[in-house]
Structures are given as structure tokens and as C-alpha cells.
């Protein structure tokens, strides 16, 4: 009986002395260019897609990234790009990625590639690229 206690005490001391590895969290990072202006935005996983707002890009485009998941993994990414008309936003693109893999050092456009979209009225160009990063806190 005494032997078991000594073994468990020793194991407890070893386990307590071992630094635990921090869990990597996924973060979607996107890079944009509109009218020679550059933007960068990070998006973290959420559980409720209806709480996610869109990002204004140069007063002409809007970008919304809905990253569904938790602090360990991403289940789904929906990307929406809209052109801002005088009355309301007009959807130009909707892209869906199902269970994408996060990478520790991805290229800036590893998830989406380099995407170019054009406004329907003035021919303004939006280019963007996104990558799903694995970030250790």
C-alpha cells in the first residue's frame, strides 16, 4: 500500500513539473487591396454566425468572414464580398470552405488564392487573399 502512494506521489511530481504545451488556436487572416490602399483583418472562430459584422474596404466594398468553430478547430468558413451601392450592398461573391486545415506558417493567400473582383458600375478592383493560421498563445 505504501509503495503505491510513493509511486503516485512521484508521478504527480513529474507531471506537475512538465510544462504543458499551449493549444494552438485558429485565426483567419485576410489581406486586401482597394484603390492602392492595403488592409489587413483577422477573424476568430465564433459559434453564432449572426453576430459577425462586415468590414468596410475603401468605402466601395464590404467583406464578411464567418468562421464557425472554437478555439481548437474550424468547422466552416463562409466568405462574402459585396459592392456598396447607394441603396444597399450587392453580393459579388460567396465562397465556402468546409473543415479547412490551419497551418503554422502559411502563405498570405494559402486558403483562397489571390482573388480579384470588380465593381459592376465603376470597374473598381478589389484583390484579396486569406490564410488560416495556427496561432499559439
N, C-alpha and C. Protein backbone atom coordinates (compact mmCIF):
# COMPACT_ATOMS: atom_id res chain seq x y z
N UNK A 1 0.83 -1.19 0.00
CA UNK A 1 0.00 0.00 0.00
C UNK A 1 0.87 1.25 0.00
N UNK A 2 1.91 1.24 0.84
CA UNK A 2 2.82 2.38 0.91
C UNK A 2 3.54 2.58 -0.43
N UNK A 3 3.86 1.47 -1.11
CA UNK A 3 4.55 1.53 -2.39
C UNK A 3 3.70 2.29 -3.43
N UNK A 4 2.39 2.03 -3.49
CA UNK A 4 1.50 2.71 -4.44
C UNK A 4 1.50 4.21 -4.19
N UNK A 5 1.47 4.60 -2.92
CA UNK A 5 1.45 6.02 -2.60
C UNK A 5 2.73 6.70 -3.06
N UNK A 6 3.86 6.04 -2.87
CA UNK A 6 5.15 6.59 -3.29
C UNK A 6 5.18 6.73 -4.80
N UNK A 7 4.69 5.71 -5.53
CA UNK A 7 4.68 5.77 -7.00
C UNK A 7 3.78 6.90 -7.48
N UNK A 8 2.56 7.02 -6.94
CA UNK A 8 1.64 8.09 -7.35
C UNK A 8 2.20 9.46 -7.00
N UNK A 9 2.86 9.58 -5.86
CA UNK A 9 3.47 10.86 -5.47
C UNK A 9 4.57 11.23 -6.45
N UNK A 10 5.38 10.27 -6.83
CA UNK A 10 6.47 10.53 -7.77
C UNK A 10 5.92 10.93 -9.13
N UNK A 11 4.89 10.20 -9.61
CA UNK A 11 4.28 10.54 -10.89
C UNK A 11 3.64 11.93 -10.85
N UNK A 12 2.99 12.24 -9.75
CA UNK A 12 2.37 13.56 -9.61
C UNK A 12 3.41 14.66 -9.67
N UNK A 13 4.54 14.44 -9.05
CA UNK A 13 5.61 15.44 -9.10
C UNK A 13 6.18 15.60 -10.49
N UNK A 14 6.33 14.48 -11.22
CA UNK A 14 6.84 14.56 -12.59
C UNK A 14 5.86 15.29 -13.50
N UNK A 15 4.58 14.95 -13.36
CA UNK A 15 3.56 15.58 -14.21
C UNK A 15 3.47 17.07 -13.91
N UNK A 16 3.52 17.44 -12.64
CA UNK A 16 3.43 18.85 -12.27
C UNK A 16 4.64 19.63 -12.77
N UNK A 17 5.78 18.97 -12.89
CA UNK A 17 6.99 19.66 -13.32
C UNK A 17 7.12 19.80 -14.82
N UNK A 18 6.30 19.09 -15.58
CA UNK A 18 6.38 19.14 -17.03
C UNK A 18 5.56 20.32 -17.53
N UNK A 19 6.18 21.22 -18.30
CA UNK A 19 5.39 22.34 -18.84
C UNK A 19 4.44 21.82 -19.93
N UNK A 20 3.18 22.16 -19.81
CA UNK A 20 2.20 21.73 -20.79
C UNK A 20 2.28 22.60 -22.02
N UNK A 21 2.14 21.98 -23.16
CA UNK A 21 2.17 22.71 -24.42
C UNK A 21 0.88 23.53 -24.56
N UNK A 22 1.01 24.75 -24.97
CA UNK A 22 -0.17 25.59 -25.18
C UNK A 22 -0.89 25.12 -26.44
N UNK A 23 -2.20 25.10 -26.40
CA UNK A 23 -3.02 24.68 -27.52
C UNK A 23 -3.03 25.78 -28.57
N UNK A 24 -2.76 25.43 -29.82
CA UNK A 24 -2.78 26.41 -30.91
C UNK A 24 -4.23 26.72 -31.27
N UNK A 25 -4.50 27.99 -31.54
CA UNK A 25 -5.84 28.44 -31.91
C UNK A 25 -5.85 28.89 -33.37
N UNK A 26 -6.92 28.60 -34.10
CA UNK A 26 -7.00 29.03 -35.49
C UNK A 26 -7.44 30.50 -35.61
N UNK A 27 -6.80 31.22 -36.53
CA UNK A 27 -7.15 32.60 -36.84
C UNK A 27 -7.10 32.76 -38.35
N UNK A 28 -8.15 33.32 -38.93
CA UNK A 28 -8.18 33.60 -40.36
C UNK A 28 -7.65 35.01 -40.57
N UNK A 29 -6.59 35.14 -41.36
CA UNK A 29 -6.02 36.46 -41.67
C UNK A 29 -6.21 36.72 -43.15
N UNK A 30 -6.77 37.89 -43.44
CA UNK A 30 -7.03 38.27 -44.83
C UNK A 30 -6.33 39.58 -45.13
N UNK A 31 -5.85 39.70 -46.37
CA UNK A 31 -5.16 40.89 -46.85
C UNK A 31 -5.92 41.40 -48.05
N UNK A 32 -6.17 42.72 -48.08
CA UNK A 32 -6.99 43.33 -49.12
C UNK A 32 -6.24 44.49 -49.76
N UNK A 33 -6.60 44.77 -51.01
CA UNK A 33 -6.11 45.97 -51.68
C UNK A 33 -7.24 46.55 -52.53
N UNK A 34 -7.56 47.83 -52.26
CA UNK A 34 -8.58 48.56 -53.00
C UNK A 34 -8.03 49.95 -53.28
N UNK A 35 -8.03 50.36 -54.53
CA UNK A 35 -7.54 51.70 -54.90
C UNK A 35 -6.15 51.99 -54.31
N UNK A 36 -5.26 51.04 -54.41
CA UNK A 36 -3.88 51.15 -53.93
C UNK A 36 -3.80 51.30 -52.40
N UNK A 37 -4.89 51.09 -51.70
CA UNK A 37 -4.88 51.08 -50.23
C UNK A 37 -4.88 49.63 -49.77
N UNK A 38 -4.05 49.34 -48.77
CA UNK A 38 -3.95 47.97 -48.26
C UNK A 38 -4.59 47.88 -46.89
N UNK A 39 -5.27 46.76 -46.67
CA UNK A 39 -5.94 46.49 -45.40
C UNK A 39 -5.56 45.08 -44.95
N UNK A 40 -5.62 44.86 -43.66
CA UNK A 40 -5.41 43.53 -43.10
C UNK A 40 -6.43 43.34 -41.99
N UNK A 41 -7.01 42.16 -41.93
CA UNK A 41 -8.04 41.89 -40.93
C UNK A 41 -7.90 40.45 -40.45
N UNK A 42 -8.09 40.24 -39.15
CA UNK A 42 -8.07 38.90 -38.57
C UNK A 42 -9.48 38.53 -38.09
N UNK A 43 -9.83 37.27 -38.28
CA UNK A 43 -11.15 36.77 -37.89
C UNK A 43 -10.96 35.51 -37.05
N UNK A 44 -11.60 35.47 -35.90
CA UNK A 44 -11.50 34.32 -35.00
C UNK A 44 -12.79 33.50 -35.08
N UNK A 45 -12.72 32.23 -34.72
CA UNK A 45 -13.92 31.39 -34.77
C UNK A 45 -15.01 31.87 -33.82
N UNK A 46 -16.25 31.73 -34.27
CA UNK A 46 -17.43 32.07 -33.47
C UNK A 46 -18.39 30.89 -33.52
N UNK A 47 -19.33 30.86 -32.58
CA UNK A 47 -20.34 29.80 -32.59
C UNK A 47 -21.66 30.28 -33.18
N UNK A 48 -21.87 31.60 -33.23
CA UNK A 48 -23.11 32.17 -33.76
C UNK A 48 -22.79 33.02 -35.00
N UNK A 49 -23.15 32.58 -36.19
CA UNK A 49 -22.82 33.32 -37.40
C UNK A 49 -23.53 34.67 -37.51
N UNK A 50 -24.63 34.85 -36.79
CA UNK A 50 -25.41 36.07 -36.91
C UNK A 50 -24.81 37.25 -36.16
N UNK A 51 -23.77 37.01 -35.37
CA UNK A 51 -23.12 38.10 -34.64
C UNK A 51 -21.96 38.71 -35.40
N UNK A 52 -21.60 38.15 -36.53
CA UNK A 52 -20.44 38.60 -37.30
C UNK A 52 -20.82 39.78 -38.19
N UNK A 53 -20.05 40.84 -38.09
CA UNK A 53 -20.27 42.01 -38.93
C UNK A 53 -19.34 42.01 -40.13
N UNK A 54 -19.59 42.94 -41.04
CA UNK A 54 -18.74 43.04 -42.22
C UNK A 54 -17.75 44.18 -42.05
N UNK A 55 -16.71 44.15 -42.86
CA UNK A 55 -15.62 45.13 -42.81
C UNK A 55 -15.72 46.02 -44.04
N UNK A 56 -15.64 47.33 -43.85
CA UNK A 56 -15.65 48.29 -44.96
C UNK A 56 -14.27 48.33 -45.60
N UNK A 57 -14.23 48.25 -46.92
CA UNK A 57 -12.97 48.31 -47.65
C UNK A 57 -13.02 49.47 -48.66
N UNK A 58 -12.43 50.57 -48.28
CA UNK A 58 -12.34 51.72 -49.18
C UNK A 58 -13.65 52.39 -49.50
N UNK A 59 -14.70 52.16 -48.74
CA UNK A 59 -15.99 52.79 -48.99
C UNK A 59 -16.73 52.21 -50.18
N UNK A 60 -16.15 51.24 -50.84
CA UNK A 60 -16.79 50.66 -52.03
C UNK A 60 -17.19 49.19 -51.85
N UNK A 61 -16.37 48.45 -51.13
CA UNK A 61 -16.63 47.02 -50.94
C UNK A 61 -16.84 46.73 -49.45
N UNK A 62 -17.49 45.61 -49.18
CA UNK A 62 -17.64 45.09 -47.81
C UNK A 62 -17.23 43.63 -47.84
N UNK A 63 -16.56 43.20 -46.78
CA UNK A 63 -16.08 41.83 -46.67
C UNK A 63 -16.55 41.26 -45.35
N UNK A 64 -17.09 40.05 -45.40
CA UNK A 64 -17.55 39.38 -44.18
C UNK A 64 -17.00 37.97 -44.17
N UNK A 65 -16.34 37.61 -43.09
CA UNK A 65 -15.81 36.25 -42.92
C UNK A 65 -16.48 35.63 -41.71
N UNK A 66 -17.26 34.59 -41.94
CA UNK A 66 -17.91 33.86 -40.86
C UNK A 66 -17.10 32.58 -40.65
N UNK A 67 -16.35 32.55 -39.54
CA UNK A 67 -15.50 31.41 -39.21
C UNK A 67 -16.20 30.66 -38.07
N UNK A 68 -16.79 29.53 -38.40
CA UNK A 68 -17.52 28.75 -37.39
C UNK A 68 -16.61 27.67 -36.81
N UNK A 69 -16.56 27.63 -35.49
CA UNK A 69 -15.73 26.65 -34.81
C UNK A 69 -15.50 27.07 -33.38
N UNK A 70 -14.38 26.63 -32.83
CA UNK A 70 -14.00 27.00 -31.47
C UNK A 70 -12.51 27.31 -31.43
N UNK A 71 -11.93 27.39 -30.23
CA UNK A 71 -10.52 27.78 -30.13
C UNK A 71 -9.56 26.65 -30.48
N UNK A 72 -10.07 25.49 -30.91
CA UNK A 72 -9.21 24.38 -31.30
C UNK A 72 -9.29 24.04 -32.77
N UNK A 73 -10.46 24.25 -33.39
CA UNK A 73 -10.62 23.87 -34.79
C UNK A 73 -11.69 24.72 -35.47
N UNK A 74 -11.64 24.73 -36.78
CA UNK A 74 -12.62 25.45 -37.60
C UNK A 74 -13.42 24.42 -38.38
N UNK A 75 -14.74 24.52 -38.28
CA UNK A 75 -15.62 23.60 -38.99
C UNK A 75 -16.02 24.12 -40.36
N UNK A 76 -16.19 25.44 -40.47
CA UNK A 76 -16.69 26.02 -41.71
C UNK A 76 -16.28 27.48 -41.80
N UNK A 77 -15.91 27.91 -43.00
CA UNK A 77 -15.63 29.32 -43.27
C UNK A 77 -16.50 29.75 -44.45
N UNK A 78 -17.26 30.81 -44.26
CA UNK A 78 -18.02 31.44 -45.34
C UNK A 78 -17.47 32.84 -45.55
N UNK A 79 -17.07 33.15 -46.78
CA UNK A 79 -16.59 34.49 -47.12
C UNK A 79 -17.59 35.15 -48.05
N UNK A 80 -17.94 36.40 -47.74
CA UNK A 80 -18.88 37.18 -48.55
C UNK A 80 -18.22 38.49 -48.94
N UNK A 81 -18.30 38.82 -50.22
CA UNK A 81 -17.82 40.11 -50.70
C UNK A 81 -19.00 40.81 -51.35
N UNK A 82 -19.22 42.06 -50.96
CA UNK A 82 -20.32 42.86 -51.50
C UNK A 82 -19.78 44.17 -52.04
N UNK A 83 -20.48 44.70 -53.02
CA UNK A 83 -20.20 46.05 -53.51
C UNK A 83 -21.22 46.98 -52.88
N UNK A 84 -20.76 48.11 -52.36
CA UNK A 84 -21.64 49.04 -51.67
C UNK A 84 -22.28 50.00 -52.68
N UNK A 85 -23.56 49.77 -53.00
CA UNK A 85 -24.28 50.69 -53.88
C UNK A 85 -24.88 51.80 -53.03
N UNK A 86 -25.54 52.77 -53.67
CA UNK A 86 -26.16 53.86 -52.91
C UNK A 86 -27.29 53.35 -52.03
N UNK A 87 -27.99 52.32 -52.46
CA UNK A 87 -29.14 51.83 -51.70
C UNK A 87 -28.77 50.74 -50.70
N UNK A 88 -28.00 49.75 -51.14
CA UNK A 88 -27.69 48.62 -50.27
C UNK A 88 -26.51 47.83 -50.84
N UNK A 89 -25.88 46.99 -50.03
CA UNK A 89 -24.79 46.16 -50.55
C UNK A 89 -25.30 45.13 -51.56
N UNK A 90 -24.51 44.88 -52.60
CA UNK A 90 -24.84 43.90 -53.63
C UNK A 90 -23.79 42.79 -53.56
N UNK A 91 -24.22 41.56 -53.30
CA UNK A 91 -23.29 40.44 -53.15
C UNK A 91 -22.62 40.14 -54.48
N UNK A 92 -21.28 40.13 -54.45
CA UNK A 92 -20.49 39.77 -55.63
C UNK A 92 -19.97 38.34 -55.56
N UNK A 93 -19.68 37.89 -54.33
CA UNK A 93 -19.07 36.57 -54.19
C UNK A 93 -19.43 35.95 -52.84
N UNK A 94 -19.67 34.66 -52.85
CA UNK A 94 -19.82 33.86 -51.62
C UNK A 94 -18.99 32.60 -51.83
N UNK A 95 -18.04 32.36 -50.92
CA UNK A 95 -17.18 31.18 -51.01
C UNK A 95 -17.27 30.42 -49.70
N UNK A 96 -17.29 29.08 -49.79
CA UNK A 96 -17.40 28.24 -48.60
C UNK A 96 -16.24 27.27 -48.54
N UNK A 97 -15.64 27.14 -47.34
CA UNK A 97 -14.57 26.17 -47.09
C UNK A 97 -15.00 25.29 -45.92
N UNK A 98 -15.07 23.99 -46.15
CA UNK A 98 -15.52 23.06 -45.12
C UNK A 98 -14.31 22.40 -44.46
N UNK A 99 -14.25 22.48 -43.14
CA UNK A 99 -13.16 21.97 -42.29
C UNK A 99 -11.77 22.21 -42.88
N UNK A 100 -11.43 23.48 -43.10
CA UNK A 100 -10.08 23.77 -43.62
C UNK A 100 -9.03 23.51 -42.54
N UNK A 101 -7.84 23.17 -42.97
CA UNK A 101 -6.74 22.90 -42.04
C UNK A 101 -5.94 24.17 -41.79
N UNK A 102 -5.72 24.47 -40.52
CA UNK A 102 -4.88 25.62 -40.15
C UNK A 102 -3.42 25.23 -40.32
N UNK A 103 -2.60 26.21 -40.68
CA UNK A 103 -1.16 25.99 -40.88
C UNK A 103 -0.37 26.92 -39.97
N UNK A 104 0.80 26.48 -39.56
CA UNK A 104 1.60 27.31 -38.65
C UNK A 104 2.25 28.50 -39.37
N UNK A 105 2.69 28.34 -40.59
CA UNK A 105 3.29 29.44 -41.35
C UNK A 105 2.82 29.40 -42.81
N UNK A 106 1.54 29.71 -43.04
CA UNK A 106 1.03 29.65 -44.41
C UNK A 106 1.41 30.89 -45.22
N UNK A 107 1.32 30.74 -46.52
CA UNK A 107 1.44 31.90 -47.42
C UNK A 107 0.23 32.79 -47.17
N UNK A 108 0.32 34.09 -47.45
CA UNK A 108 -0.80 35.01 -47.17
C UNK A 108 -2.12 34.63 -47.85
N UNK A 109 -2.05 33.90 -48.96
CA UNK A 109 -3.28 33.52 -49.66
C UNK A 109 -3.42 32.00 -49.75
N UNK A 110 -2.92 31.29 -48.76
CA UNK A 110 -2.90 29.82 -48.79
C UNK A 110 -4.30 29.21 -48.86
N UNK A 111 -5.29 29.82 -48.25
CA UNK A 111 -6.65 29.26 -48.26
C UNK A 111 -7.40 29.61 -49.54
N UNK A 112 -7.39 30.86 -49.92
CA UNK A 112 -8.24 31.34 -51.02
C UNK A 112 -7.53 31.48 -52.36
N UNK A 113 -6.20 31.57 -52.33
CA UNK A 113 -5.50 32.00 -53.53
C UNK A 113 -5.68 33.51 -53.64
N UNK A 114 -5.13 34.11 -54.67
CA UNK A 114 -5.30 35.56 -54.85
C UNK A 114 -6.57 35.78 -55.68
N UNK A 115 -7.52 36.50 -55.09
CA UNK A 115 -8.83 36.71 -55.71
C UNK A 115 -8.94 38.17 -56.16
N UNK A 116 -9.47 38.39 -57.36
CA UNK A 116 -9.71 39.74 -57.88
C UNK A 116 -11.18 39.85 -58.25
N UNK A 117 -11.84 40.89 -57.72
CA UNK A 117 -13.25 41.16 -58.01
C UNK A 117 -13.38 42.59 -58.49
N UNK A 118 -14.40 42.84 -59.30
CA UNK A 118 -14.58 44.18 -59.88
C UNK A 118 -15.99 44.67 -59.62
N UNK A 119 -16.09 45.96 -59.31
CA UNK A 119 -17.41 46.54 -59.06
C UNK A 119 -18.19 46.58 -60.38
N UNK A 120 -19.49 46.41 -60.31
CA UNK A 120 -20.28 46.35 -61.53
C UNK A 120 -20.46 47.69 -62.23
N UNK A 121 -20.26 48.80 -61.54
CA UNK A 121 -20.56 50.10 -62.15
C UNK A 121 -19.31 50.89 -62.55
N UNK A 122 -18.34 50.96 -61.69
CA UNK A 122 -17.17 51.79 -61.97
C UNK A 122 -15.93 50.97 -62.32
N UNK A 123 -16.03 49.66 -62.26
CA UNK A 123 -14.90 48.81 -62.58
C UNK A 123 -13.78 48.87 -61.56
N UNK A 124 -14.08 49.28 -60.33
CA UNK A 124 -13.08 49.32 -59.27
C UNK A 124 -12.67 47.89 -58.92
N UNK A 125 -11.40 47.71 -58.60
CA UNK A 125 -10.88 46.38 -58.32
C UNK A 125 -10.61 46.17 -56.84
N UNK A 126 -11.00 45.00 -56.34
CA UNK A 126 -10.66 44.54 -55.01
C UNK A 126 -9.87 43.26 -55.19
N UNK A 127 -8.69 43.19 -54.61
CA UNK A 127 -7.94 41.94 -54.58
C UNK A 127 -7.77 41.54 -53.13
N UNK A 128 -7.83 40.23 -52.88
CA UNK A 128 -7.65 39.76 -51.51
C UNK A 128 -7.13 38.34 -51.50
N UNK A 129 -6.62 37.96 -50.36
CA UNK A 129 -6.17 36.59 -50.11
C UNK A 129 -6.28 36.31 -48.63
N UNK A 130 -6.62 35.09 -48.28
CA UNK A 130 -6.78 34.71 -46.87
C UNK A 130 -6.03 33.40 -46.59
N UNK A 131 -5.59 33.27 -45.36
CA UNK A 131 -4.93 32.06 -44.90
C UNK A 131 -5.40 31.75 -43.49
N UNK A 132 -5.55 30.48 -43.19
CA UNK A 132 -5.95 30.05 -41.85
C UNK A 132 -4.69 29.71 -41.07
N UNK A 133 -4.39 30.52 -40.08
CA UNK A 133 -3.18 30.38 -39.28
C UNK A 133 -3.45 29.58 -38.01
N UNK A 134 -2.43 28.88 -37.55
CA UNK A 134 -2.45 28.18 -36.28
C UNK A 134 -1.59 29.02 -35.35
N UNK A 135 -2.22 29.71 -34.39
CA UNK A 135 -1.53 30.66 -33.54
C UNK A 135 -1.43 30.10 -32.12
N UNK A 136 -0.22 30.07 -31.59
CA UNK A 136 0.00 29.63 -30.22
C UNK A 136 -0.01 30.84 -29.32
N UNK A 137 -0.85 30.82 -28.27
CA UNK A 137 -0.94 32.00 -27.39
C UNK A 137 0.33 32.26 -26.61
